[in-house]
Amino acid sequence: LYPTTLYVHSGEAFEDILEKIKIHQLAFPFVVKPEVGAAGLLFRKIDTIEQLKEYHNKVQMDFIVQELVHFPMEV
């Protein structure tokens, strides 16, 4: 299985991100993480639109929005 994954480019309009989430039927909660490997740095679980907006405003790099995996391990 591969979780639904959306790529967000640095500087992308927040409204465009919300539209991608809607099109791909991604539901809260989900996770966000930088597009580059960072040993879990800046990995966050997102429960609300407000949390997503705060993350988007603070993280100045490409990141991934991904379906939350409810298994004990992700590889």
PDB file of N, CA and C in Angstrom:
ATOM      1  N   LEU A   1       0.828  -1.189   0.000  1.00  0.00           N
ATOM      2  CA  LEU A   1       0.000   0.000   0.000  1.00  0.00           C
ATOM      3  C   LEU A   1       0.867   1.245   0.000  1.00  0.00           C
ATOM      4  N   TYR A   2       0.444   2.232  -0.741  1.00  0.00           N
ATOM      5  CA  TYR A   2       1.122   3.519  -0.731  1.00  0.00           C
ATOM      6  C   TYR A   2       0.079   4.569  -0.378  1.00  0.00           C
ATOM      7  N   PRO A   3       0.286   5.312   0.701  1.00  0.00           N
ATOM      8  CA  PRO A   3      -0.718   6.281   1.120  1.00  0.00           C
ATOM      9  C   PRO A   3      -0.864   7.416   0.105  1.00  0.00           C
ATOM     10  N   THR A   4      -2.049   7.988   0.047  1.00  0.00           N
ATOM     11  CA  THR A   4      -2.269   9.144  -0.807  1.00  0.00           C
ATOM     12  C   THR A   4      -1.265  10.221  -0.428  1.00  0.00           C
ATOM     13  N   THR A   5      -0.556  10.736  -1.416  1.00  0.00           N
ATOM     14  CA  THR A   5       0.531  11.681  -1.177  1.00  0.00           C
ATOM     15  C   THR A   5       0.425  12.853  -2.146  1.00  0.00           C
ATOM     16  N   LEU A   6       0.467  14.060  -1.606  1.00  0.00           N
ATOM     17  CA  LEU A   6       0.421  15.275  -2.411  1.00  0.00           C
ATOM     18  C   LEU A   6       1.712  16.046  -2.211  1.00  0.00           C
ATOM     19  N   TYR A   7       2.236  16.598  -3.267  1.00  0.00           N
ATOM     20  CA  TYR A   7       3.462  17.381  -3.196  1.00  0.00           C
ATOM     21  C   TYR A   7       3.110  18.865  -3.226  1.00  0.00           C
ATOM     22  N   VAL A   8       3.659  19.603  -2.287  1.00  0.00           N
ATOM     23  CA  VAL A   8       3.417  21.041  -2.184  1.00  0.00           C
ATOM     24  C   VAL A   8       4.741  21.755  -2.425  1.00  0.00           C
ATOM     25  N   HIS A   9       4.729  22.685  -3.363  1.00  0.00           N
ATOM     26  CA  HIS A   9       5.935  23.440  -3.675  1.00  0.00           C
ATOM     27  C   HIS A   9       6.034  24.674  -2.790  1.00  0.00           C
ATOM     28  N   SER A  10       7.231  24.999  -2.402  1.00  0.00           N
ATOM     29  CA  SER A  10       7.475  26.193  -1.596  1.00  0.00           C
ATOM     30  C   SER A  10       6.844  27.398  -2.291  1.00  0.00           C
ATOM     31  N   GLY A  11       6.086  28.172  -1.560  1.00  0.00           N
ATOM     32  CA  GLY A  11       5.456  29.354  -2.118  1.00  0.00           C
ATOM     33  C   GLY A  11       4.120  29.098  -2.796  1.00  0.00           C
ATOM     34  N   GLU A  12       3.686  27.849  -2.845  1.00  0.00           N
ATOM     35  CA  GLU A  12       2.394  27.531  -3.453  1.00  0.00           C
ATOM     36  C   GLU A  12       1.270  28.186  -2.638  1.00  0.00           C
ATOM     37  N   ALA A  13       0.276  28.708  -3.316  1.00  0.00           N
ATOM     38  CA  ALA A  13      -0.842  29.365  -2.647  1.00  0.00           C
ATOM     39  C   ALA A  13      -1.597  28.368  -1.765  1.00  0.00           C
ATOM     40  N   PHE A  14      -1.959  28.804  -0.562  1.00  0.00           N
ATOM     41  CA  PHE A  14      -2.650  27.939   0.379  1.00  0.00           C
ATOM     42  C   PHE A  14      -3.969  27.430  -0.199  1.00  0.00           C
ATOM     43  N   GLU A  15      -4.677  28.266  -0.923  1.00  0.00           N
ATOM     44  CA  GLU A  15      -5.951  27.864  -1.529  1.00  0.00           C
ATOM     45  C   GLU A  15      -5.748  26.727  -2.527  1.00  0.00           C
ATOM     46  N   ASP A  16      -4.613  26.726  -3.231  1.00  0.00           N
ATOM     47  CA  ASP A  16      -4.309  25.640  -4.169  1.00  0.00           C
ATOM     48  C   ASP A  16      -4.059  24.327  -3.437  1.00  0.00           C
ATOM     49  N   ILE A  17      -3.440  24.411  -2.278  1.00  0.00           N
ATOM     50  CA  ILE A  17      -3.211  23.206  -1.467  1.00  0.00           C
ATOM     51  C   ILE A  17      -4.545  22.629  -1.017  1.00  0.00           C
ATOM     52  N   LEU A  18      -5.431  23.493  -0.537  1.00  0.00           N
ATOM     53  CA  LEU A  18      -6.761  23.033  -0.111  1.00  0.00           C
ATOM     54  C   LEU A  18      -7.515  22.388  -1.267  1.00  0.00           C
ATOM     55  N   GLU A  19      -7.366  22.930  -2.450  1.00  0.00           N
ATOM     56  CA  GLU A  19      -8.026  22.358  -3.631  1.00  0.00           C
ATOM     57  C   GLU A  19      -7.472  20.968  -3.943  1.00  0.00           C
ATOM     58  N   LYS A  20      -6.151  20.801  -3.865  1.00  0.00           N
ATOM     59  CA  LYS A  20      -5.543  19.477  -4.087  1.00  0.00           C
ATOM     60  C   LYS A  20      -6.083  18.467  -3.081  1.00  0.00           C
ATOM     61  N   ILE A  21      -6.171  18.880  -1.818  1.00  0.00           N
ATOM     62  CA  ILE A  21      -6.667  17.996  -0.760  1.00  0.00           C
ATOM     63  C   ILE A  21      -8.101  17.574  -1.058  1.00  0.00           C
ATOM     64  N   LYS A  22      -8.903  18.521  -1.498  1.00  0.00           N
ATOM     65  CA  LYS A  22     -10.299  18.229  -1.838  1.00  0.00           C
ATOM     66  C   LYS A  22     -10.390  17.275  -3.024  1.00  0.00           C
ATOM     67  N   ILE A  23      -9.638  17.546  -4.081  1.00  0.00           N
ATOM     68  CA  ILE A  23      -9.660  16.701  -5.286  1.00  0.00           C
ATOM     69  C   ILE A  23      -9.264  15.262  -4.967  1.00  0.00           C
ATOM     70  N   HIS A  24      -8.250  15.091  -4.113  1.00  0.00           N
ATOM     71  CA  HIS A  24      -7.764  13.745  -3.778  1.00  0.00           C
ATOM     72  C   HIS A  24      -8.488  13.133  -2.583  1.00  0.00           C
ATOM     73  N   GLN A  25      -9.512  13.825  -2.095  1.00  0.00           N
ATOM     74  CA  GLN A  25     -10.362  13.338  -1.000  1.00  0.00           C
ATOM     75  C   GLN A  25      -9.545  12.931   0.223  1.00  0.00           C
ATOM     76  N   LEU A  26      -8.548  13.735   0.532  1.00  0.00           N
ATOM     77  CA  LEU A  26      -7.711  13.502   1.710  1.00  0.00           C
ATOM     78  C   LEU A  26      -8.424  14.087   2.920  1.00  0.00           C
ATOM     79  N   ALA A  27      -8.581  13.303   3.967  1.00  0.00           N
ATOM     80  CA  ALA A  27      -9.326  13.734   5.147  1.00  0.00           C
ATOM     81  C   ALA A  27      -8.392  13.918   6.343  1.00  0.00           C
ATOM     82  N   PHE A  28      -8.799  14.795   7.249  1.00  0.00           N
ATOM     83  CA  PHE A  28      -8.069  14.961   8.508  1.00  0.00           C
ATOM     84  C   PHE A  28      -8.305  13.746   9.373  1.00  0.00           C
ATOM     85  N   PRO A  29      -7.353  13.337  10.184  1.00  0.00           N
ATOM     86  CA  PRO A  29      -5.995  13.866  10.258  1.00  0.00           C
ATOM     87  C   PRO A  29      -5.125  13.289   9.143  1.00  0.00           C
ATOM     88  N   PHE A  30      -4.093  14.050   8.788  1.00  0.00           N
ATOM     89  CA  PHE A  30      -3.071  13.573   7.869  1.00  0.00           C
ATOM     90  C   PHE A  30      -1.732  14.099   8.358  1.00  0.00           C
ATOM     91  N   VAL A  31      -0.671  13.734   7.675  1.00  0.00           N
ATOM     92  CA  VAL A  31       0.654  14.177   8.104  1.00  0.00           C
ATOM     93  C   VAL A  31       1.281  15.060   7.035  1.00  0.00           C
ATOM     94  N   VAL A  32       2.193  15.907   7.482  1.00  0.00           N
ATOM     95  CA  VAL A  32       2.992  16.725   6.582  1.00  0.00           C
ATOM     96  C   VAL A  32       4.451  16.528   6.958  1.00  0.00           C
ATOM     97  N   LYS A  33       5.314  16.589   5.950  1.00  0.00           N
ATOM     98  CA  LYS A  33       6.741  16.419   6.190  1.00  0.00           C
ATOM     99  C   LYS A  33       7.518  17.003   5.022  1.00  0.00           C
ATOM    100  N   PRO A  34       8.725  17.463   5.287  1.00  0.00           N
ATOM    101  CA  PRO A  34       9.536  18.017   4.198  1.00  0.00           C
ATOM    102  C   PRO A  34       9.768  16.994   3.097  1.00  0.00           C
ATOM    103  N   GLU A  35       9.939  17.478   1.885  1.00  0.00           N
ATOM    104  CA  GLU A  35      10.183  16.622   0.730  1.00  0.00           C
ATOM    105  C   GLU A  35      11.571  15.975   0.782  1.00  0.00           C
ATOM    106  N   VAL A  36      12.452  16.488   1.620  1.00  0.00           N
ATOM    107  CA  VAL A  36      13.802  15.944   1.767  1.00  0.00           C
ATOM    108  C   VAL A  36      13.902  15.162   3.065  1.00  0.00           C
ATOM    109  N   GLY A  37      14.752  14.174   3.105  1.00  0.00           N
ATOM    110  CA  GLY A  37      14.953  13.400   4.321  1.00  0.00           C
ATOM    111  C   GLY A  37      15.559  14.252   5.418  1.00  0.00           C
ATOM    112  N   ALA A  38      14.927  14.252   6.578  1.00  0.00           N
ATOM    113  CA  ALA A  38      15.419  15.067   7.684  1.00  0.00           C
ATOM    114  C   ALA A  38      15.247  14.351   9.016  1.00  0.00           C
ATOM    115  N   ALA A  39      15.250  13.022   8.984  1.00  0.00           N
ATOM    116  CA  ALA A  39      15.152  12.210  10.199  1.00  0.00           C
ATOM    117  C   ALA A  39      13.956  12.586  11.069  1.00  0.00           C
ATOM    118  N   GLY A  40      12.840  12.914  10.430  1.00  0.00           N
ATOM    119  CA  GLY A  40      11.624  13.234  11.175  1.00  0.00           C
ATOM    120  C   GLY A  40      11.495  14.694  11.575  1.00  0.00           C
ATOM    121  N   LEU A  41      12.503  15.503  11.280  1.00  0.00           N
ATOM    122  CA  LEU A  41      12.434  16.918  11.597  1.00  0.00           C
ATOM    123  C   LEU A  41      11.321  17.558  10.771  1.00  0.00           C
ATOM    124  N   LEU A  42      10.465  18.323  11.407  1.00  0.00           N
ATOM    125  CA  LEU A  42       9.329  19.008  10.798  1.00  0.00           C
ATOM    126  C   LEU A  42       8.193  18.076  10.374  1.00  0.00           C
ATOM    127  N   PHE A  43       8.230  16.822  10.786  1.00  0.00           N
ATOM    128  CA  PHE A  43       7.107  15.907  10.584  1.00  0.00           C
ATOM    129  C   PHE A  43       6.010  16.312  11.566  1.00  0.00           C
ATOM    130  N   ARG A  44       4.785  16.476  11.075  1.00  0.00           N
ATOM    131  CA  ARG A  44       3.683  16.874  11.943  1.00  0.00           C
ATOM    132  C   ARG A  44       2.403  16.147  11.551  1.00  0.00           C
ATOM    133  N   LYS A  45       1.610  15.829  12.559  1.00  0.00           N
ATOM    134  CA  LYS A  45       0.251  15.344  12.335  1.00  0.00           C
ATOM    135  C   LYS A  45      -0.635  16.590  12.295  1.00  0.00           C
ATOM    136  N   ILE A  46      -1.486  16.665  11.291  1.00  0.00           N
ATOM    137  CA  ILE A  46      -2.343  17.829  11.092  1.00  0.00           C
ATOM    138  C   ILE A  46      -3.800  17.415  11.297  1.00  0.00           C
ATOM    139  N   ASP A  47      -4.463  18.099  12.239  1.00  0.00           N
ATOM    140  CA  ASP A  47      -5.851  17.786  12.556  1.00  0.00           C
ATOM    141  C   ASP A  47      -6.847  18.819  12.025  1.00  0.00           C
ATOM    142  N   THR A  48      -6.370  20.018  11.678  1.00  0.00           N
ATOM    143  CA  THR A  48      -7.274  21.090  11.277  1.00  0.00           C
ATOM    144  C   THR A  48      -6.678  21.915  10.132  1.00  0.00           C
ATOM    145  N   ILE A  49      -7.543  22.655   9.465  1.00  0.00           N
ATOM    146  CA  ILE A  49      -7.088  23.574   8.417  1.00  0.00           C
ATOM    147  C   ILE A  49      -6.151  24.620   9.009  1.00  0.00           C
ATOM    148  N   GLU A  50      -6.440  25.082  10.218  1.00  0.00           N
ATOM    149  CA  GLU A  50      -5.602  26.097  10.853  1.00  0.00           C
ATOM    150  C   GLU A  50      -4.183  25.575  11.084  1.00  0.00           C
ATOM    151  N   GLN A  51      -4.049  24.319  11.503  1.00  0.00           N
ATOM    152  CA  GLN A  51      -2.719  23.727  11.695  1.00  0.00           C
ATOM    153  C   GLN A  51      -1.973  23.628  10.365  1.00  0.00           C
ATOM    154  N   LEU A  52      -2.683  23.256   9.314  1.00  0.00           N
ATOM    155  CA  LEU A  52      -2.063  23.166   7.989  1.00  0.00           C
ATOM    156  C   LEU A  52      -1.588  24.542   7.532  1.00  0.00           C
ATOM    157  N   LYS A  53      -2.400  25.552   7.729  1.00  0.00           N
ATOM    158  CA  LYS A  53      -2.030  26.906   7.319  1.00  0.00           C
ATOM    159  C   LYS A  53      -0.801  27.388   8.084  1.00  0.00           C
ATOM    160  N   GLU A  54      -0.756  27.113   9.390  1.00  0.00           N
ATOM    161  CA  GLU A  54       0.403  27.499  10.204  1.00  0.00           C
ATOM    162  C   GLU A  54       1.667  26.802   9.699  1.00  0.00           C
ATOM    163  N   TYR A  55       1.579  25.507   9.410  1.00  0.00           N
ATOM    164  CA  TYR A  55       2.725  24.757   8.900  1.00  0.00           C
ATOM    165  C   TYR A  55       3.176  25.337   7.559  1.00  0.00           C
ATOM    166  N   HIS A  56       2.231  25.576   6.669  1.00  0.00           N
ATOM    167  CA  HIS A  56       2.529  26.125   5.347  1.00  0.00           C
ATOM    168  C   HIS A  56       3.234  27.486   5.453  1.00  0.00           C
ATOM    169  N   ASN A  57       2.793  28.299   6.376  1.00  0.00           N
ATOM    170  CA  ASN A  57       3.389  29.630   6.544  1.00  0.00           C
ATOM    171  C   ASN A  57       4.790  29.580   7.154  1.00  0.00           C
ATOM    172  N   LYS A  58       5.063  28.572   7.978  1.00  0.00           N
ATOM    173  CA  LYS A  58       6.358  28.484   8.667  1.00  0.00           C
ATOM    174  C   LYS A  58       7.422  27.737   7.873  1.00  0.00           C
ATOM    175  N   VAL A  59       7.024  26.702   7.148  1.00  0.00           N
ATOM    176  CA  VAL A  59       7.989  25.855   6.442  1.00  0.00           C
ATOM    177  C   VAL A  59       8.254  26.447   5.064  1.00  0.00           C
ATOM    178  N   GLN A  60       9.458  26.878   4.850  1.00  0.00           N
ATOM    179  CA  GLN A  60       9.820  27.546   3.593  1.00  0.00           C
ATOM    180  C   GLN A  60      10.535  26.584   2.644  1.00  0.00           C
ATOM    181  N   MET A  61       9.955  25.399   2.451  1.00  0.00           N
ATOM    182  CA  MET A  61      10.517  24.394   1.545  1.00  0.00           C
ATOM    183  C   MET A  61       9.389  23.527   1.014  1.00  0.00           C
ATOM    184  N   ASP A  62       9.667  22.767  -0.031  1.00  0.00           N
ATOM    185  CA  ASP A  62       8.686  21.819  -0.544  1.00  0.00           C
ATOM    186  C   ASP A  62       8.360  20.811   0.550  1.00  0.00           C
ATOM    187  N   PHE A  63       7.075  20.421   0.629  1.00  0.00           N
ATOM    188  CA  PHE A  63       6.705  19.401   1.609  1.00  0.00           C
ATOM    189  C   PHE A  63       5.633  18.486   1.047  1.00  0.00           C
ATOM    190  N   ILE A  64       5.399  17.409   1.772  1.00  0.00           N
ATOM    191  CA  ILE A  64       4.448  16.377   1.382  1.00  0.00           C
ATOM    192  C   ILE A  64       3.267  16.411   2.345  1.00  0.00           C
ATOM    193  N   VAL A  65       2.068  16.296   1.790  1.00  0.00           N
ATOM    194  CA  VAL A  65       0.855  16.067   2.575  1.00  0.00           C
ATOM    195  C   VAL A  65       0.495  14.615   2.312  1.00  0.00           C
ATOM    196  N   GLN A  66       0.354  13.832   3.381  1.00  0.00           N
ATOM    197  CA  GLN A  66       0.183  12.389   3.180  1.00  0.00           C
ATOM    198  C   GLN A  66      -0.860  11.819   4.125  1.00  0.00           C
ATOM    199  N   GLU A  67      -1.630  10.905   3.588  1.00  0.00           N
ATOM    200  CA  GLU A  67      -2.611  10.167   4.366  1.00  0.00           C
ATOM    201  C   GLU A  67      -1.935   9.585   5.608  1.00  0.00           C
ATOM    202  N   LEU A  68      -2.607   9.667   6.740  1.00  0.00           N
ATOM    203  CA  LEU A  68      -2.083   9.110   7.984  1.00  0.00           C
ATOM    204  C   LEU A  68      -2.127   7.592   7.924  1.00  0.00           C
ATOM    205  N   VAL A  69      -1.010   6.950   8.189  1.00  0.00           N
ATOM    206  CA  VAL A  69      -0.910   5.489   8.183  1.00  0.00           C
ATOM    207  C   VAL A  69      -1.163   4.984   9.593  1.00  0.00           C
ATOM    208  N   HIS A  70      -2.146   4.106   9.731  1.00  0.00           N
ATOM    209  CA  HIS A  70      -2.530   3.605  11.060  1.00  0.00           C
ATOM    210  C   HIS A  70      -1.936   2.236  11.354  1.00  0.00           C
ATOM    211  N   PHE A  71      -0.741   1.989  10.868  1.00  0.00           N
ATOM    212  CA  PHE A  71      -0.063   0.734  11.134  1.00  0.00           C
ATOM    213  C   PHE A  71       1.091   0.999  12.090  1.00  0.00           C
ATOM    214  N   PRO A  72       1.570  -0.002  12.795  1.00  0.00           N
ATOM    215  CA  PRO A  72       2.628   0.225  13.773  1.00  0.00           C
ATOM    216  C   PRO A  72       3.961   0.640  13.159  1.00  0.00           C
ATOM    217  N   MET A  73       4.138   0.414  11.852  1.00  0.00           N
ATOM    218  CA  MET A  73       5.421   0.750  11.234  1.00  0.00           C
ATOM    219  C   MET A  73       5.189   1.171   9.789  1.00  0.00           C
ATOM    220  N   GLU A  74       5.941   2.181   9.362  1.00  0.00           N
ATOM    221  CA  GLU A  74       5.906   2.607   7.976  1.00  0.00           C
ATOM    222  C   GLU A  74       7.318   2.478   7.421  1.00  0.00           C
ATOM    223  N   VAL A  75       7.441   1.906   6.234  1.00  0.00           N
ATOM    224  CA  VAL A  75       8.745   1.719   5.623  1.00  0.00           C
ATOM    225  C   VAL A  75       8.763   2.393   4.264  1.00  0.00           C
TER     226      VAL A  75
END
